[in-house]
């Protein structure tokens, strides 16, 4: 799942796939949001969590949810994925492209890239989740389906459904 923020509103996108090596999604959903919470340092989840929950509701209940970001910010401090796990339950895997200083993440280098992805998780050991991310399809640093969900969110018009919450 991923969320793209616009001048006015946001668009959340999700892909459902079977197996970590899947090259294509089985299902996809996109949901625009005309109203979102203001950015609040240290409370990013208040802005993004409603978007993730809204797009998740459009597809089947997943066994594992992969979010762009951190599950844990360090110690017991939840990141976006931790807040999602508290509400949604199940297994949540966070895949971040930049290091967050206080977070304890498992670094995963993919392809020829020397820049790691930072993996955190709830509901499963982070080392297991890191293995899943390493096994995802694609020869590059960012797995194919993670690039695809990012492009899906960025490409959708925010005003596609003016009635969206």
Foldseek 3Di string as FASTA:
>chain_A
DEWADDPFWIKAKDFDPPALADQDGPDMFMAFDRDFDDDDPPPNLRGCVVNVVVRCVVDDNDQEAEYAAFQALADPHGDNVVVNCVVNNHKYKYWYQDDRVRDDFDWAAAAPDPRTITIDMDNDHRVVVSVSQNNHHDRHRHHNVVVVSVCVRVPDDNVPPVPHD
